[in-house]
């Protein structure tokens, strides 16, 4: 094998074609309490709302500013809400997507956010037990949200949250590590040849 081909192979292996992102799957039952949210690390989040499940909250960390677009689809009449790092409510939606699906776009800065989802009639509760229906912009001065809760009957079902802006993933995927390792082996073979 010529040095040129070894170098080309090493470069391709080191760069890789980019690791494919799998969906983040809800682990057990994600909490409805913002302070206990599961950290989601992919642009697709899949979960289930069961009978008696008030809602699910996911912690998202973004490394850059941009427009966060969230589309909720699935077997529930989804209602979603976005909350800032200090648990202050920002924006929510019920039915702006296709059929009974929720959808919003909202400009964010880099940082930590919380995304809540529940079946129709999900509200956010603050420390004074005041409620926000999680639709449209949050009321000014509402204060930090402690949890989300369904205010009526719950229809169980699965959901998918599709984020147009992927959150930061602090841990490299196994495929990325393997490609990097193969690239290093290719570079090492160049030095020997």
N, C-alpha and C. Protein backbone atom coordinates (compact mmCIF):
# COMPACT_ATOMS: atom_id res chain seq x y z
N UNK A 1 0.85 -1.17 0.00
CA UNK A 1 0.00 0.00 0.00
C UNK A 1 0.90 1.23 0.00
N UNK A 2 0.65 2.14 -0.90
CA UNK A 2 1.49 3.33 -0.99
C UNK A 2 1.20 4.28 0.16
N UNK A 3 2.14 5.15 0.41
CA UNK A 3 1.99 6.14 1.49
C UNK A 3 0.77 7.02 1.24
N UNK A 4 0.51 7.38 -0.01
CA UNK A 4 -0.64 8.23 -0.35
C UNK A 4 -1.94 7.55 0.08
N UNK A 5 -2.10 6.27 -0.25
CA UNK A 5 -3.32 5.56 0.09
C UNK A 5 -3.46 5.37 1.60
N UNK A 6 -2.35 5.11 2.28
CA UNK A 6 -2.39 4.99 3.74
C UNK A 6 -2.82 6.30 4.37
N UNK A 7 -2.27 7.40 3.86
CA UNK A 7 -2.63 8.71 4.38
C UNK A 7 -4.11 9.00 4.14
N UNK A 8 -4.60 8.70 2.95
CA UNK A 8 -6.01 8.91 2.62
C UNK A 8 -6.90 8.08 3.52
N UNK A 9 -6.55 6.79 3.70
CA UNK A 9 -7.34 5.92 4.57
C UNK A 9 -7.32 6.42 6.00
N UNK A 10 -6.17 6.83 6.50
CA UNK A 10 -6.06 7.34 7.86
C UNK A 10 -6.92 8.59 8.04
N UNK A 11 -6.89 9.47 7.07
CA UNK A 11 -7.69 10.70 7.15
C UNK A 11 -9.17 10.41 7.16
N UNK A 12 -9.62 9.52 6.31
CA UNK A 12 -11.04 9.17 6.26
C UNK A 12 -11.49 8.51 7.55
N UNK A 13 -10.68 7.63 8.09
CA UNK A 13 -11.03 6.97 9.34
C UNK A 13 -11.04 7.95 10.50
N UNK A 14 -10.09 8.87 10.53
CA UNK A 14 -10.02 9.85 11.62
C UNK A 14 -11.21 10.80 11.59
N UNK A 15 -11.60 11.23 10.40
CA UNK A 15 -12.72 12.16 10.28
C UNK A 15 -14.05 11.45 10.40
N UNK A 16 -14.14 10.26 9.80
CA UNK A 16 -15.40 9.53 9.83
C UNK A 16 -16.45 10.28 9.03
N UNK A 17 -17.59 9.69 8.93
CA UNK A 17 -18.69 10.31 8.21
C UNK A 17 -19.63 11.02 9.17
N UNK A 18 -19.25 11.10 10.44
CA UNK A 18 -20.13 11.71 11.44
C UNK A 18 -21.01 10.64 12.05
N UNK A 19 -21.06 10.58 13.32
CA UNK A 19 -21.85 9.56 14.00
C UNK A 19 -23.33 9.90 13.90
N UNK A 20 -24.12 8.88 13.66
CA UNK A 20 -25.56 9.08 13.59
C UNK A 20 -26.10 9.21 15.01
N UNK A 21 -27.03 10.15 15.21
CA UNK A 21 -27.62 10.33 16.53
C UNK A 21 -28.82 9.41 16.68
N UNK A 22 -28.78 8.63 17.71
CA UNK A 22 -29.93 7.81 18.06
C UNK A 22 -30.84 8.66 18.93
N UNK A 23 -32.02 8.20 19.14
CA UNK A 23 -32.96 8.93 19.99
C UNK A 23 -32.61 8.74 21.46
N UNK A 24 -32.86 9.77 22.26
CA UNK A 24 -32.77 9.62 23.71
C UNK A 24 -34.09 8.98 24.15
N UNK A 25 -34.00 7.86 24.84
CA UNK A 25 -35.19 7.15 25.31
C UNK A 25 -35.37 7.44 26.80
N UNK A 26 -36.57 7.86 27.15
CA UNK A 26 -36.90 8.12 28.55
C UNK A 26 -36.47 6.93 29.41
N UNK A 27 -35.78 7.20 30.50
CA UNK A 27 -35.30 6.15 31.40
C UNK A 27 -36.30 5.99 32.54
N UNK A 28 -37.00 4.86 32.56
CA UNK A 28 -38.05 4.67 33.56
C UNK A 28 -39.15 5.68 33.31
N UNK A 29 -39.60 6.33 34.34
CA UNK A 29 -40.59 7.39 34.20
C UNK A 29 -39.90 8.71 34.52
N UNK A 30 -39.73 9.55 33.51
CA UNK A 30 -39.12 10.86 33.73
C UNK A 30 -39.97 11.63 34.73
N UNK A 31 -39.33 12.38 35.56
CA UNK A 31 -40.02 13.12 36.61
C UNK A 31 -40.85 14.27 36.05
N UNK A 32 -41.89 14.63 36.76
CA UNK A 32 -42.67 15.83 36.42
C UNK A 32 -42.16 17.03 37.22
N UNK A 33 -41.13 16.83 38.05
CA UNK A 33 -40.51 17.89 38.84
C UNK A 33 -39.29 18.40 38.09
N UNK A 34 -39.21 19.69 37.85
CA UNK A 34 -38.13 20.25 37.05
C UNK A 34 -36.76 19.96 37.65
N UNK A 35 -36.62 20.06 38.96
CA UNK A 35 -35.32 19.85 39.60
C UNK A 35 -34.83 18.41 39.47
N UNK A 36 -35.70 17.48 39.13
CA UNK A 36 -35.33 16.06 39.00
C UNK A 36 -35.38 15.59 37.54
N UNK A 37 -35.32 16.52 36.60
CA UNK A 37 -35.44 16.18 35.18
C UNK A 37 -34.32 15.28 34.69
N UNK A 38 -34.64 14.40 33.74
CA UNK A 38 -33.63 13.58 33.08
C UNK A 38 -32.90 14.43 32.05
N UNK A 39 -31.58 14.27 31.93
CA UNK A 39 -30.83 15.02 30.92
C UNK A 39 -30.90 14.29 29.59
N UNK A 40 -31.49 14.93 28.60
CA UNK A 40 -31.57 14.38 27.25
C UNK A 40 -30.41 14.91 26.43
N UNK A 41 -29.80 14.05 25.63
CA UNK A 41 -28.59 14.42 24.91
C UNK A 41 -28.72 14.25 23.40
N UNK A 42 -29.92 14.03 22.90
CA UNK A 42 -30.12 13.87 21.46
C UNK A 42 -31.24 14.77 20.98
N UNK A 43 -31.29 15.00 19.67
CA UNK A 43 -32.30 15.87 19.08
C UNK A 43 -33.66 15.19 18.98
N UNK A 44 -33.72 13.90 19.26
CA UNK A 44 -34.99 13.18 19.30
C UNK A 44 -35.12 12.56 20.68
N UNK A 45 -36.26 12.80 21.31
CA UNK A 45 -36.54 12.27 22.65
C UNK A 45 -37.82 11.44 22.55
N UNK A 46 -37.77 10.21 23.03
CA UNK A 46 -38.95 9.34 23.00
C UNK A 46 -39.33 8.93 24.40
N UNK A 47 -40.62 8.91 24.67
CA UNK A 47 -41.09 8.52 25.99
C UNK A 47 -42.55 8.12 25.97
N UNK A 48 -43.08 7.91 27.17
CA UNK A 48 -44.46 7.48 27.33
C UNK A 48 -45.09 8.20 28.51
N UNK A 49 -46.33 8.58 28.33
CA UNK A 49 -47.14 9.09 29.43
C UNK A 49 -48.09 7.95 29.80
N UNK A 50 -47.97 7.47 31.04
CA UNK A 50 -48.83 6.38 31.49
C UNK A 50 -49.98 6.91 32.33
N UNK A 51 -50.92 6.03 32.66
CA UNK A 51 -52.02 6.42 33.54
C UNK A 51 -51.44 6.88 34.87
N UNK A 52 -51.86 8.01 35.34
CA UNK A 52 -51.35 8.56 36.58
C UNK A 52 -50.03 9.31 36.43
N UNK A 53 -49.49 9.34 35.21
CA UNK A 53 -48.23 10.05 34.94
C UNK A 53 -48.56 11.51 34.65
N UNK A 54 -48.15 12.40 35.52
CA UNK A 54 -48.49 13.81 35.40
C UNK A 54 -47.81 14.50 34.21
N UNK A 55 -46.65 14.00 33.80
CA UNK A 55 -45.90 14.59 32.70
C UNK A 55 -44.44 14.23 32.84
N UNK A 56 -43.65 14.56 31.84
CA UNK A 56 -42.22 14.27 31.82
C UNK A 56 -41.45 15.56 31.56
N UNK A 57 -40.32 15.72 32.26
CA UNK A 57 -39.47 16.90 32.08
C UNK A 57 -38.05 16.43 31.74
N UNK A 58 -37.46 17.08 30.74
CA UNK A 58 -36.10 16.76 30.31
C UNK A 58 -35.22 18.00 30.40
N UNK A 59 -34.00 17.80 30.88
CA UNK A 59 -33.02 18.87 30.96
C UNK A 59 -32.22 18.87 29.66
N UNK A 60 -32.09 20.04 29.03
CA UNK A 60 -31.37 20.20 27.78
C UNK A 60 -30.29 21.25 27.96
N UNK A 61 -29.09 20.97 27.49
CA UNK A 61 -28.00 21.94 27.57
C UNK A 61 -27.55 22.25 26.15
N UNK A 62 -27.58 23.53 25.79
CA UNK A 62 -27.21 23.97 24.45
C UNK A 62 -25.90 24.76 24.52
N UNK A 63 -24.97 24.42 23.63
CA UNK A 63 -23.68 25.07 23.60
C UNK A 63 -23.66 26.36 22.81
N UNK A 64 -24.73 26.64 22.08
CA UNK A 64 -24.79 27.87 21.28
C UNK A 64 -26.21 28.40 21.23
N UNK A 65 -26.31 29.66 20.87
CA UNK A 65 -27.61 30.31 20.73
C UNK A 65 -28.24 29.91 19.40
N UNK A 66 -29.53 30.08 19.31
CA UNK A 66 -30.24 29.79 18.06
C UNK A 66 -31.73 29.75 18.28
N UNK A 67 -32.43 29.25 17.28
CA UNK A 67 -33.88 29.09 17.38
C UNK A 67 -34.17 27.64 17.67
N UNK A 68 -34.74 27.39 18.83
CA UNK A 68 -35.12 26.04 19.22
C UNK A 68 -36.53 25.77 18.70
N UNK A 69 -36.66 24.80 17.83
CA UNK A 69 -37.96 24.37 17.33
C UNK A 69 -38.23 22.98 17.88
N UNK A 70 -39.38 22.81 18.49
CA UNK A 70 -39.76 21.52 19.08
C UNK A 70 -41.09 21.09 18.47
N UNK A 71 -41.12 19.86 17.98
CA UNK A 71 -42.34 19.27 17.42
C UNK A 71 -42.65 18.01 18.21
N UNK A 72 -43.80 17.96 18.85
CA UNK A 72 -44.21 16.80 19.65
C UNK A 72 -45.24 16.02 18.87
N UNK A 73 -44.97 14.75 18.63
CA UNK A 73 -45.91 13.88 17.92
C UNK A 73 -46.13 12.62 18.76
N UNK A 74 -47.16 11.87 18.43
CA UNK A 74 -47.37 10.60 19.12
C UNK A 74 -48.83 10.31 19.38
N UNK A 75 -49.05 9.41 20.33
CA UNK A 75 -50.39 8.90 20.62
C UNK A 75 -51.12 9.70 21.68
N UNK A 76 -50.54 10.80 22.16
CA UNK A 76 -51.22 11.64 23.15
C UNK A 76 -51.54 12.99 22.52
N UNK A 77 -52.47 13.70 23.11
CA UNK A 77 -52.77 15.08 22.72
C UNK A 77 -51.75 15.94 23.46
N UNK A 78 -50.57 16.07 22.86
CA UNK A 78 -49.42 16.64 23.57
C UNK A 78 -49.54 18.12 23.86
N UNK A 79 -48.96 18.47 24.99
CA UNK A 79 -48.82 19.86 25.42
C UNK A 79 -47.40 19.99 25.95
N UNK A 80 -46.67 21.01 25.46
CA UNK A 80 -45.25 21.14 25.81
C UNK A 80 -44.97 22.53 26.38
N UNK A 81 -43.94 22.61 27.22
CA UNK A 81 -43.52 23.88 27.79
C UNK A 81 -42.01 23.94 27.91
N UNK A 82 -41.43 25.12 27.68
CA UNK A 82 -40.00 25.35 27.79
C UNK A 82 -39.75 26.25 28.99
N UNK A 83 -38.73 25.88 29.78
CA UNK A 83 -38.40 26.61 31.00
C UNK A 83 -36.91 26.94 31.01
N UNK A 84 -36.56 28.09 31.56
CA UNK A 84 -35.17 28.55 31.63
C UNK A 84 -34.43 27.82 32.76
N UNK A 85 -33.12 28.06 32.85
CA UNK A 85 -32.28 27.39 33.85
C UNK A 85 -32.79 27.57 35.28
N UNK A 86 -33.34 28.72 35.59
CA UNK A 86 -33.88 28.97 36.93
C UNK A 86 -35.32 28.51 37.08
N UNK A 87 -35.79 27.69 36.15
CA UNK A 87 -37.13 27.10 36.13
C UNK A 87 -38.24 28.10 35.79
N UNK A 88 -37.86 29.29 35.30
CA UNK A 88 -38.89 30.25 34.89
C UNK A 88 -39.48 29.81 33.55
N UNK A 89 -40.82 29.87 33.42
CA UNK A 89 -41.46 29.44 32.17
C UNK A 89 -41.21 30.44 31.05
N UNK A 90 -41.03 29.92 29.84
CA UNK A 90 -40.77 30.78 28.69
C UNK A 90 -41.91 30.72 27.67
N UNK A 91 -42.17 29.53 27.13
CA UNK A 91 -43.16 29.38 26.07
C UNK A 91 -43.73 27.97 26.13
N UNK A 92 -44.94 27.82 25.65
CA UNK A 92 -45.56 26.49 25.61
C UNK A 92 -46.49 26.40 24.42
N UNK A 93 -47.00 25.20 24.18
CA UNK A 93 -47.94 25.03 23.09
C UNK A 93 -48.84 23.82 23.30
N UNK A 94 -50.03 23.96 22.75
CA UNK A 94 -51.02 22.90 22.67
C UNK A 94 -51.64 22.98 21.28
N UNK A 95 -51.37 22.02 20.43
CA UNK A 95 -52.03 21.86 19.12
C UNK A 95 -51.60 22.78 17.98
N UNK A 96 -50.45 23.44 18.04
CA UNK A 96 -50.00 24.24 16.89
C UNK A 96 -49.42 23.36 15.79
N UNK A 97 -49.11 22.11 16.10
CA UNK A 97 -48.60 21.17 15.10
C UNK A 97 -49.75 20.52 14.35
N UNK A 98 -49.46 19.46 13.63
CA UNK A 98 -50.49 18.72 12.90
C UNK A 98 -51.41 18.02 13.90
N UNK A 99 -52.69 17.99 13.57
CA UNK A 99 -53.69 17.31 14.39
C UNK A 99 -53.64 17.82 15.83
N UNK A 100 -53.38 16.94 16.78
CA UNK A 100 -53.34 17.32 18.19
C UNK A 100 -51.90 17.45 18.70
N UNK A 101 -50.96 17.61 17.79
CA UNK A 101 -49.54 17.70 18.14
C UNK A 101 -49.16 19.13 18.54
N UNK A 102 -48.21 19.22 19.45
CA UNK A 102 -47.71 20.52 19.91
C UNK A 102 -46.46 20.90 19.13
N UNK A 103 -46.23 22.21 18.99
CA UNK A 103 -45.11 22.72 18.20
C UNK A 103 -44.81 24.15 18.62
N UNK A 104 -43.52 24.49 18.76
CA UNK A 104 -43.14 25.89 18.94
C UNK A 104 -41.73 26.12 18.44
N UNK A 105 -41.43 27.38 18.15
CA UNK A 105 -40.07 27.85 17.84
C UNK A 105 -39.81 29.02 18.77
N UNK A 106 -38.61 29.02 19.37
CA UNK A 106 -38.30 30.05 20.36
C UNK A 106 -36.81 30.33 20.33
N UNK A 107 -36.42 31.59 20.31
CA UNK A 107 -35.01 31.97 20.31
C UNK A 107 -34.40 31.78 21.68
N UNK A 108 -33.26 31.06 21.73
CA UNK A 108 -32.61 30.80 23.01
C UNK A 108 -31.14 31.23 22.96
N UNK A 109 -30.58 31.49 24.12
CA UNK A 109 -29.14 31.71 24.28
C UNK A 109 -28.52 30.36 24.65
N UNK A 110 -27.21 30.27 24.59
CA UNK A 110 -26.55 29.05 25.05
C UNK A 110 -26.86 28.88 26.54
N UNK A 111 -27.03 27.65 26.99
CA UNK A 111 -27.30 27.41 28.40
C UNK A 111 -28.20 26.22 28.64
N UNK A 112 -28.73 26.15 29.86
CA UNK A 112 -29.56 25.03 30.30
C UNK A 112 -31.04 25.41 30.22
N UNK A 113 -31.83 24.47 29.73
CA UNK A 113 -33.28 24.64 29.62
C UNK A 113 -33.96 23.35 30.04
N UNK A 114 -35.24 23.45 30.30
CA UNK A 114 -36.05 22.28 30.67
C UNK A 114 -37.25 22.23 29.73
N UNK A 115 -37.54 21.04 29.23
CA UNK A 115 -38.65 20.84 28.31
C UNK A 115 -39.62 19.85 28.94
N UNK A 116 -40.85 20.30 29.15
CA UNK A 116 -41.87 19.45 29.75
C UNK A 116 -42.91 19.05 28.73
N UNK A 117 -43.41 17.83 28.85
CA UNK A 117 -44.48 17.33 27.98
C UNK A 117 -45.50 16.58 28.82
N UNK A 118 -46.75 16.74 28.46
CA UNK A 118 -47.82 15.99 29.10
C UNK A 118 -48.99 15.87 28.15
N UNK A 119 -49.99 15.10 28.57
CA UNK A 119 -51.23 14.98 27.82
C UNK A 119 -52.03 16.27 28.02
N UNK A 120 -53.00 16.52 27.15
CA UNK A 120 -53.78 17.76 27.18
C UNK A 120 -54.21 18.14 28.60
N UNK A 121 -54.17 19.40 28.84
CA UNK A 121 -54.52 20.06 30.10
C UNK A 121 -53.38 19.96 31.11
N UNK A 122 -52.14 19.95 30.62
CA UNK A 122 -50.98 19.98 31.50
C UNK A 122 -50.68 21.42 31.87
N UNK A 123 -50.49 21.65 33.14
CA UNK A 123 -50.20 22.99 33.65
C UNK A 123 -48.87 22.98 34.37
N UNK A 124 -48.25 24.14 34.46
CA UNK A 124 -47.04 24.33 35.24
C UNK A 124 -47.43 25.00 36.55
N UNK A 125 -46.90 24.49 37.67
CA UNK A 125 -47.21 25.04 38.98
C UNK A 125 -45.98 25.71 39.57
N UNK A 126 -46.17 26.93 40.10
CA UNK A 126 -45.06 27.61 40.78
C UNK A 126 -45.15 27.37 42.28
N UNK A 127 -44.28 28.00 43.05
CA UNK A 127 -44.23 27.80 44.50
C UNK A 127 -45.48 28.25 45.22
N UNK A 128 -46.29 29.11 44.61
CA UNK A 128 -47.53 29.57 45.22
C UNK A 128 -48.74 28.77 44.75
N UNK A 129 -48.49 27.69 44.02
CA UNK A 129 -49.52 26.84 43.41
C UNK A 129 -50.32 27.56 42.34
N UNK A 130 -49.80 28.66 41.82
CA UNK A 130 -50.44 29.30 40.66
C UNK A 130 -50.14 28.43 39.44
N UNK A 131 -51.04 28.41 38.48
CA UNK A 131 -50.87 27.55 37.31
C UNK A 131 -50.75 28.36 36.02
N UNK A 132 -49.96 27.84 35.11
CA UNK A 132 -49.85 28.37 33.74
C UNK A 132 -50.21 27.21 32.82
N UNK A 133 -51.11 27.43 31.88
CA UNK A 133 -51.64 26.39 31.02
C UNK A 133 -50.64 25.88 29.98
N UNK A 134 -49.44 26.37 29.94
CA UNK A 134 -48.39 25.95 29.01
C UNK A 134 -48.84 26.09 27.55
N UNK A 135 -49.36 27.27 27.23
CA UNK A 135 -49.75 27.57 25.85
C UNK A 135 -49.45 29.03 25.60
N UNK A 136 -48.61 29.32 24.61
CA UNK A 136 -48.22 30.69 24.31
C UNK A 136 -47.08 31.13 25.23
N UNK A 137 -46.85 32.42 25.27
CA UNK A 137 -45.80 32.96 26.14
C UNK A 137 -46.25 32.90 27.60
N UNK A 138 -45.32 32.62 28.47
CA UNK A 138 -45.64 32.55 29.90
C UNK A 138 -45.96 33.94 30.43
N UNK A 139 -46.83 34.03 31.44
CA UNK A 139 -47.15 35.34 32.01
C UNK A 139 -45.94 35.97 32.69
N UNK A 140 -45.80 37.27 32.55
CA UNK A 140 -44.68 37.99 33.18
C UNK A 140 -44.78 37.84 34.69
N UNK A 141 -43.64 37.62 35.34
CA UNK A 141 -43.60 37.54 36.79
C UNK A 141 -44.19 36.27 37.38
N UNK A 142 -44.39 35.24 36.58
CA UNK A 142 -44.99 34.00 37.08
C UNK A 142 -44.12 33.34 38.15
N UNK A 143 -42.82 33.44 38.00
CA UNK A 143 -41.91 32.85 38.98
C UNK A 143 -41.51 31.43 38.62
N UNK A 144 -40.53 30.90 39.33
CA UNK A 144 -40.02 29.56 39.03
C UNK A 144 -41.08 28.47 39.15
N UNK A 145 -41.04 27.54 38.23
CA UNK A 145 -41.98 26.42 38.21
C UNK A 145 -41.36 25.25 38.98
N UNK A 146 -42.17 24.62 39.81
CA UNK A 146 -41.70 23.46 40.56
C UNK A 146 -41.95 22.17 39.80
N UNK A 147 -43.13 22.05 39.18
CA UNK A 147 -43.49 20.83 38.49
C UNK A 147 -44.57 21.09 37.45
N UNK A 148 -44.77 20.10 36.58
CA UNK A 148 -45.89 20.14 35.66
C UNK A 148 -46.89 19.07 36.12
N UNK A 149 -48.16 19.31 35.85
CA UNK A 149 -49.21 18.39 36.33
C UNK A 149 -50.39 18.44 35.37
N UNK A 150 -51.03 17.31 35.19
CA UNK A 150 -52.22 17.25 34.35
C UNK A 150 -53.42 17.68 35.17
N UNK A 151 -54.20 18.62 34.63
CA UNK A 151 -55.34 19.18 35.36
C UNK A 151 -56.64 18.45 35.05
N UNK A 152 -56.61 17.41 34.22
CA UNK A 152 -57.83 16.65 33.91
C UNK A 152 -57.46 15.17 33.80
N UNK A 153 -58.25 14.42 33.06
CA UNK A 153 -57.96 12.99 32.90
C UNK A 153 -56.76 12.79 31.97
N UNK A 154 -56.01 11.72 32.18
CA UNK A 154 -54.80 11.44 31.41
C UNK A 154 -55.07 10.32 30.42
N UNK A 155 -54.77 10.57 29.16
CA UNK A 155 -54.82 9.52 28.14
C UNK A 155 -53.39 9.03 27.94
N UNK A 156 -53.15 7.77 28.23
CA UNK A 156 -51.82 7.21 28.14
C UNK A 156 -51.40 7.04 26.69
N UNK A 157 -50.10 7.13 26.43
CA UNK A 157 -49.58 6.90 25.09
C UNK A 157 -48.13 7.33 24.97
N UNK A 158 -47.53 6.96 23.85
CA UNK A 158 -46.13 7.30 23.60
C UNK A 158 -46.03 8.64 22.88
N UNK A 159 -44.84 9.22 22.92
CA UNK A 159 -44.61 10.49 22.23
C UNK A 159 -43.18 10.54 21.72
N UNK A 160 -42.96 11.44 20.77
CA UNK A 160 -41.62 11.76 20.27
C UNK A 160 -41.48 13.26 20.24
N UNK A 161 -40.40 13.77 20.81
CA UNK A 161 -40.07 15.19 20.74
C UNK A 161 -38.93 15.34 19.75
N UNK A 162 -39.14 16.10 18.69
CA UNK A 162 -38.09 16.34 17.69
C UNK A 162 -37.61 17.77 17.85
N UNK A 163 -36.33 17.93 18.15
CA UNK A 163 -35.71 19.24 18.33
C UNK A 163 -34.89 19.56 17.09
N UNK A 164 -35.12 20.73 16.50
CA UNK A 164 -34.37 21.12 15.31
C UNK A 164 -32.94 21.53 15.66
N UNK A 165 -32.67 21.74 16.93
CA UNK A 165 -31.35 22.16 17.42
C UNK A 165 -30.91 21.14 18.46
N UNK A 166 -29.93 20.28 18.15
CA UNK A 166 -29.56 19.24 19.11
C UNK A 166 -28.87 19.79 20.35
N UNK A 167 -29.17 19.21 21.51
CA UNK A 167 -28.48 19.63 22.73
C UNK A 167 -27.04 19.12 22.72
N UNK A 168 -26.23 19.72 23.56
CA UNK A 168 -24.83 19.29 23.69
C UNK A 168 -24.81 17.90 24.29
N UNK A 169 -23.91 17.08 23.79
CA UNK A 169 -23.76 15.73 24.29
C UNK A 169 -22.37 15.64 24.90
N UNK A 170 -22.29 15.60 26.22
CA UNK A 170 -21.01 15.61 26.90
C UNK A 170 -20.20 14.34 26.75
N UNK A 171 -20.82 13.25 26.33
CA UNK A 171 -20.12 11.98 26.21
C UNK A 171 -20.08 11.57 24.75
N UNK A 172 -18.89 11.32 24.18
CA UNK A 172 -18.82 10.90 22.78
C UNK A 172 -19.52 9.56 22.59
N UNK A 173 -20.20 9.41 21.46
CA UNK A 173 -20.86 8.15 21.15
C UNK A 173 -19.81 7.09 20.88
N UNK A 174 -20.11 5.81 21.15
CA UNK A 174 -19.14 4.74 20.93
C UNK A 174 -18.62 4.70 19.49
N UNK A 175 -19.47 4.98 18.52
CA UNK A 175 -19.03 4.98 17.12
C UNK A 175 -17.99 6.06 16.86
N UNK A 176 -18.14 7.21 17.50
CA UNK A 176 -17.18 8.30 17.35
C UNK A 176 -15.84 7.89 17.93
N UNK A 177 -15.86 7.26 19.09
CA UNK A 177 -14.62 6.80 19.71
C UNK A 177 -13.92 5.77 18.82
N UNK A 178 -14.70 4.84 18.25
CA UNK A 178 -14.11 3.80 17.39
C UNK A 178 -13.48 4.41 16.15
N UNK A 179 -14.16 5.36 15.52
CA UNK A 179 -13.60 6.00 14.33
C UNK A 179 -12.32 6.76 14.66
N UNK A 180 -12.30 7.43 15.79
CA UNK A 180 -11.11 8.16 16.19
C UNK A 180 -9.94 7.20 16.42
N UNK A 181 -10.25 6.07 17.10
CA UNK A 181 -9.21 5.07 17.35
C UNK A 181 -8.66 4.48 16.06
N UNK A 182 -9.55 4.19 15.11
CA UNK A 182 -9.09 3.66 13.82
C UNK A 182 -8.24 4.69 13.08
N UNK A 183 -8.62 5.93 13.18
CA UNK A 183 -7.84 7.00 12.54
C UNK A 183 -6.44 7.08 13.13
N UNK A 184 -6.35 6.97 14.46
CA UNK A 184 -5.04 6.99 15.10
C UNK A 184 -4.19 5.80 14.67
N UNK A 185 -4.81 4.63 14.53
CA UNK A 185 -4.08 3.46 14.04
C UNK A 185 -3.56 3.69 12.62
N UNK A 186 -4.39 4.32 11.79
CA UNK A 186 -3.98 4.63 10.43
C UNK A 186 -2.79 5.58 10.41
N UNK A 187 -2.83 6.59 11.26
CA UNK A 187 -1.72 7.55 11.33
C UNK A 187 -0.46 6.84 11.83
N UNK A 188 -0.62 5.94 12.80
CA UNK A 188 0.54 5.20 13.32
C UNK A 188 1.14 4.32 12.24
N UNK A 189 0.29 3.73 11.38
CA UNK A 189 0.82 2.90 10.30
C UNK A 189 1.59 3.73 9.28
N UNK A 190 1.23 4.99 9.11
CA UNK A 190 1.95 5.88 8.21
C UNK A 190 3.37 6.12 8.70
N UNK A 191 3.49 6.26 10.01
CA UNK A 191 4.82 6.54 10.58
C UNK A 191 5.75 5.36 10.42
N UNK A 192 5.15 4.15 10.43
CA UNK A 192 6.00 2.95 10.27
C UNK A 192 6.37 2.69 8.82
N UNK A 193 5.52 3.12 7.89
CA UNK A 193 5.71 2.80 6.47
C UNK A 193 6.60 3.74 5.77
